[in-house]
C-alpha atoms as a PDB file:
ATOM      1  CA  MET A   1     -27.325 -19.061  50.820  1.00  0.00           C
ATOM      2  CA  ALA A   2     -24.845 -18.918  47.918  1.00  0.00           C
ATOM      3  CA  PRO A   3     -24.382 -15.674  46.008  1.00  0.00           C
ATOM      4  CA  PRO A   4     -26.266 -15.557  42.659  1.00  0.00           C
ATOM      5  CA  ASP A   5     -23.020 -15.390  40.646  1.00  0.00           C
ATOM      6  CA  GLU A   6     -21.840 -18.681  42.138  1.00  0.00           C
ATOM      7  CA  GLY A   7     -24.634 -20.574  40.360  1.00  0.00           C
ATOM      8  CA  ARG A   8     -23.692 -19.020  37.022  1.00  0.00           C
ATOM      9  CA  CYS A   9     -20.064 -19.915  37.621  1.00  0.00           C
ATOM     10  CA  LEU A  10     -20.968 -23.569  38.257  1.00  0.00           C
ATOM     11  CA  LEU A  11     -23.068 -23.672  35.088  1.00  0.00           C
ATOM     12  CA  SER A  12     -20.168 -22.210  33.149  1.00  0.00           C
ATOM     13  CA  ILE A  13     -17.841 -24.893  34.509  1.00  0.00           C
ATOM     14  CA  PHE A  14     -20.299 -27.657  33.565  1.00  0.00           C
ATOM     15  CA  ASP A  15     -20.707 -26.172  30.087  1.00  0.00           C
ATOM     16  CA  ASP A  16     -16.925 -26.198  29.678  1.00  0.00           C
ATOM     17  CA  ILE A  17     -16.714 -29.835  30.804  1.00  0.00           C
ATOM     18  CA  LYS A  18     -19.550 -30.805  28.459  1.00  0.00           C
ATOM     19  CA  GLY A  19     -17.841 -29.048  25.552  1.00  0.00           C
ATOM     20  CA  LYS A  20     -14.560 -30.818  26.226  1.00  0.00           C
ATOM     21  CA  ALA A  21     -16.333 -34.169  26.477  1.00  0.00           C
ATOM     22  CA  GLU A  22     -18.029 -33.530  23.132  1.00  0.00           C
ATOM     23  CA  GLU A  23     -14.667 -32.710  21.525  1.00  0.00           C
ATOM     24  CA  LEU A  24     -13.157 -35.951  22.833  1.00  0.00           C
ATOM     25  CA  ILE A  25     -16.125 -38.049  21.689  1.00  0.00           C
ATOM     26  CA  HIS A  26     -16.219 -36.838  18.070  1.00  0.00           C
ATOM     27  CA  GLY A  27     -14.857 -39.608  15.839  1.00  0.00           C
ATOM     28  CA  HIS A  28     -14.604 -42.067  18.721  1.00  0.00           C
ATOM     29  CA  GLU A  29     -18.267 -42.777  19.433  1.00  0.00           C
ATOM     30  CA  ASP A  30     -17.992 -46.581  19.181  1.00  0.00           C
ATOM     31  CA  VAL A  31     -14.974 -46.736  21.486  1.00  0.00           C
ATOM     32  CA  VAL A  32     -16.643 -44.483  24.064  1.00  0.00           C
ATOM     33  CA  LYS A  33     -19.881 -46.501  24.024  1.00  0.00           C
ATOM     34  CA  ASP A  34     -17.903 -49.732  24.386  1.00  0.00           C
ATOM     35  CA  GLY A  35     -16.132 -48.221  27.399  1.00  0.00           C
ATOM     36  CA  ILE A  36     -19.452 -47.168  28.930  1.00  0.00           C
ATOM     37  CA  GLU A  37     -20.718 -50.746  28.587  1.00  0.00           C
ATOM     38  CA  LYS A  38     -17.544 -52.253  30.077  1.00  0.00           C
ATOM     39  CA  VAL A  39     -17.508 -49.875  33.045  1.00  0.00           C
ATOM     40  CA  GLY A  40     -21.161 -50.613  33.793  1.00  0.00           C
ATOM     41  CA  ASP A  41     -20.551 -54.361  33.587  1.00  0.00           C
ATOM     42  CA  PHE A  42     -17.507 -54.014  35.866  1.00  0.00           C
ATOM     43  CA  ILE A  43     -19.507 -52.100  38.476  1.00  0.00           C
ATOM     44  CA  ASP A  44     -22.363 -54.620  38.280  1.00  0.00           C
ATOM     45  CA  ASP A  45     -19.862 -57.449  38.783  1.00  0.00           C
ATOM     46  CA  LYS A  46     -18.175 -55.780  41.766  1.00  0.00           C
ATOM     47  CA  THR A  47     -21.478 -54.895  43.463  1.00  0.00           C
ATOM     48  CA  GLY A  48     -23.193 -58.202  42.739  1.00  0.00           C
ATOM     49  CA  ASP A  49     -25.799 -56.426  40.595  1.00  0.00           C
ATOM     50  CA  LYS A  50     -27.015 -54.614  43.725  1.00  0.00           C
ATOM     51  CA  PHE A  51     -27.271 -51.339  41.795  1.00  0.00           C
ATOM     52  CA  LYS A  52     -28.015 -52.828  38.356  1.00  0.00           C
ATOM     53  CA  ASP A  53     -31.036 -50.627  37.627  1.00  0.00           C
ATOM     54  CA  GLN A  54     -29.167 -47.440  38.511  1.00  0.00           C
ATOM     55  CA  ILE A  55     -26.075 -48.500  36.545  1.00  0.00           C
ATOM     56  CA  ASP A  56     -28.185 -49.440  33.521  1.00  0.00           C
ATOM     57  CA  GLY A  57     -29.856 -46.029  33.684  1.00  0.00           C
ATOM     58  CA  ALA A  58     -26.513 -44.268  33.843  1.00  0.00           C
ATOM     59  CA  GLN A  59     -25.204 -46.370  30.936  1.00  0.00           C
ATOM     60  CA  SER A  60     -28.270 -45.505  28.894  1.00  0.00           C
ATOM     61  CA  ALA A  61     -27.987 -41.782  29.648  1.00  0.00           C
ATOM     62  CA  ALA A  62     -24.272 -41.762  28.794  1.00  0.00           C
ATOM     63  CA  SER A  63     -24.868 -43.682  25.556  1.00  0.00           C
ATOM     64  CA  ASN A  64     -27.682 -41.299  24.623  1.00  0.00           C
ATOM     65  CA  PHE A  65     -25.324 -38.366  25.234  1.00  0.00           C
ATOM     66  CA  VAL A  66     -22.765 -39.968  22.895  1.00  0.00           C
ATOM     67  CA  ASP A  67     -25.479 -40.562  20.294  1.00  0.00           C
ATOM     68  CA  GLY A  68     -26.524 -36.917  20.583  1.00  0.00           C
ATOM     69  CA  VAL A  69     -22.969 -35.725  20.087  1.00  0.00           C
ATOM     70  CA  ALA A  70     -22.573 -38.047  17.106  1.00  0.00           C
ATOM     71  CA  GLY A  71     -25.837 -36.759  15.639  1.00  0.00           C
ATOM     72  CA  GLU A  72     -24.677 -33.169  15.919  1.00  0.00           C
ATOM     73  CA  ALA A  73     -21.409 -34.029  14.148  1.00  0.00           C
ATOM     74  CA  LYS A  74     -23.081 -35.562  11.085  1.00  0.00           C
ATOM     75  CA  PRO A  75     -23.706 -33.197   8.194  1.00  0.00           C
ATOM     76  CA  GLU A  76     -27.334 -32.647   7.397  1.00  0.00           C
ATOM     77  CA  ASP A  77     -28.709 -34.114   4.184  1.00  0.00           C
ATOM     78  CA  PRO A  78     -29.806 -31.400   1.778  1.00  0.00           C
ATOM     79  CA  ALA A  79     -33.529 -31.538   1.176  1.00  0.00           C
END
């Protein structure tokens, strides 16, 4: 069994990676989403659509992540 601190360390690493990804995405949302689509299409082509459902799910999750980052970057409208 792994020590309890090891789990926290892994979460910290993933948080760092997520933060860096968010920084890279800001201002480039369309380019990133286009890349996600192209990579998914490439994988589908190379695998003969064998994993199409899984790839489509991953594309959707990645695009939703980009949309979430883009939503956080937009200033809120004053009410």
